[in-house]
């Protein structure tokens, strides 16, 4: 149980840090498409980008009204299978060479 509490606290701290970081970003737009993670990574590499971060997120603030995730006690939404959270969102950061 202690391990789960630590992971939950770290996830909450990480989300707060991300919110604070995004608050300072000038352009806050997102684009969503239904492509597999493999397609996205391969396309980024093929276009000459250098991937410096690929993250998976187990919790989100909203699932975009898709009904996939369930809001939990900490206020975040998770998508679970047999009790284990599954990645619900990915983030990719790449630099142009």
Protein backbone atom coordinates (compact mmCIF):
# COMPACT_ATOMS: atom_id res chain seq x y z
CA UNK A 1 0.00 0.00 0.00
CA UNK A 2 2.82 2.41 0.80
CA UNK A 3 4.22 2.06 -2.72
CA UNK A 4 0.87 2.94 -4.25
CA UNK A 5 0.58 6.03 -2.05
CA UNK A 6 4.06 7.19 -3.06
CA UNK A 7 3.29 6.67 -6.77
CA UNK A 8 -0.01 8.56 -6.39
CA UNK A 9 1.75 11.45 -4.62
CA UNK A 10 4.48 11.58 -7.28
CA UNK A 11 1.88 11.57 -10.07
CA UNK A 12 0.00 14.43 -8.38
CA UNK A 13 3.23 16.42 -7.97
CA UNK A 14 4.15 15.74 -11.62
CA UNK A 15 0.76 16.96 -12.85
CA UNK A 16 1.05 20.14 -10.75
CA UNK A 17 4.52 20.75 -12.20
CA UNK A 18 3.21 20.23 -15.74
CA UNK A 19 0.32 22.65 -15.13
CA UNK A 20 2.71 25.30 -13.81
CA UNK A 21 5.02 24.78 -16.79
CA UNK A 22 2.15 25.01 -19.28
CA UNK A 23 0.90 28.19 -17.64
CA UNK A 24 4.09 29.89 -18.82
CA UNK A 25 3.85 28.60 -22.42
CA UNK A 26 2.71 31.21 -24.92
CA UNK A 27 0.84 28.88 -27.32
CA UNK A 28 -1.36 26.30 -25.60
CA UNK A 29 -3.03 24.40 -28.41
CA UNK A 30 -3.37 20.67 -28.91
CA UNK A 31 -4.07 18.60 -31.98
CA UNK A 32 -5.60 15.13 -31.77
CA UNK A 33 -5.55 12.40 -34.41
CA UNK A 34 -6.18 8.65 -34.23
CA UNK A 35 -2.73 7.30 -35.13
CA UNK A 36 -0.84 4.52 -33.40
CA UNK A 37 2.15 5.42 -31.25
CA UNK A 38 4.40 3.52 -33.66
CA UNK A 39 3.14 5.57 -36.62
CA UNK A 40 3.78 8.81 -34.76
CA UNK A 41 7.31 7.94 -33.61
CA UNK A 42 8.26 6.54 -37.03
CA UNK A 43 6.93 9.65 -38.81
CA UNK A 44 8.84 11.96 -36.47
CA UNK A 45 12.11 10.08 -37.05
CA UNK A 46 11.52 9.84 -40.82
CA UNK A 47 11.00 13.61 -41.01
CA UNK A 48 14.40 14.22 -39.43
CA UNK A 49 13.25 15.06 -35.90
CA UNK A 50 15.26 13.97 -32.89
CA UNK A 51 13.00 12.59 -30.18
CA UNK A 52 14.14 13.75 -26.75
CA UNK A 53 11.09 12.70 -24.73
CA UNK A 54 8.37 10.09 -25.04
CA UNK A 55 6.15 9.88 -21.98
CA UNK A 56 3.11 7.87 -21.09
CA UNK A 57 0.51 9.28 -18.74
CA UNK A 58 -1.64 7.06 -16.55
CA UNK A 59 -3.94 9.85 -15.39
CA UNK A 60 -5.58 12.86 -17.03
CA UNK A 61 -7.80 15.70 -15.87
CA UNK A 62 -10.40 14.92 -18.54
CA UNK A 63 -10.85 12.24 -21.15
CA UNK A 64 -12.44 14.65 -23.61
CA UNK A 65 -15.95 13.30 -22.94
CA UNK A 66 -15.01 9.98 -24.54
CA UNK A 67 -16.23 7.96 -21.57
CA UNK A 68 -13.11 5.76 -21.45
CA UNK A 69 -11.78 6.86 -18.08
CA UNK A 70 -13.24 6.95 -14.59
CA UNK A 71 -12.70 9.85 -12.21
CA UNK A 72 -11.00 8.65 -9.03
CA UNK A 73 -10.74 9.99 -5.47
CA UNK A 74 -7.80 12.27 -6.30
CA UNK A 75 -9.89 14.01 -9.00
CA UNK A 76 -7.91 12.54 -11.90
CA UNK A 77 -9.27 10.16 -14.51
CA UNK A 78 -7.75 6.77 -15.20
CA UNK A 79 -8.44 3.93 -17.60
CA UNK A 80 -8.07 0.62 -15.78
CA UNK A 81 -7.94 -3.00 -16.86
CA UNK A 82 -8.06 -5.69 -14.13
CA UNK A 83 -7.40 -2.95 -11.60
CA UNK A 84 -4.18 -1.71 -13.21
CA UNK A 85 -4.03 1.76 -14.82
CA UNK A 86 -3.29 1.76 -18.55
CA UNK A 87 -1.61 4.62 -20.42
CA UNK A 88 -4.36 6.99 -21.46
CA UNK A 89 -2.22 9.66 -23.09
CA UNK A 90 1.28 9.97 -24.53
CA UNK A 91 3.47 13.02 -24.93
CA UNK A 92 6.23 13.36 -27.49
CA UNK A 93 8.82 16.13 -27.62
CA UNK A 94 11.20 16.33 -30.56
CA UNK A 95 13.74 18.78 -31.94
CA UNK A 96 14.32 19.68 -35.55
CA UNK A 97 17.89 18.77 -36.49
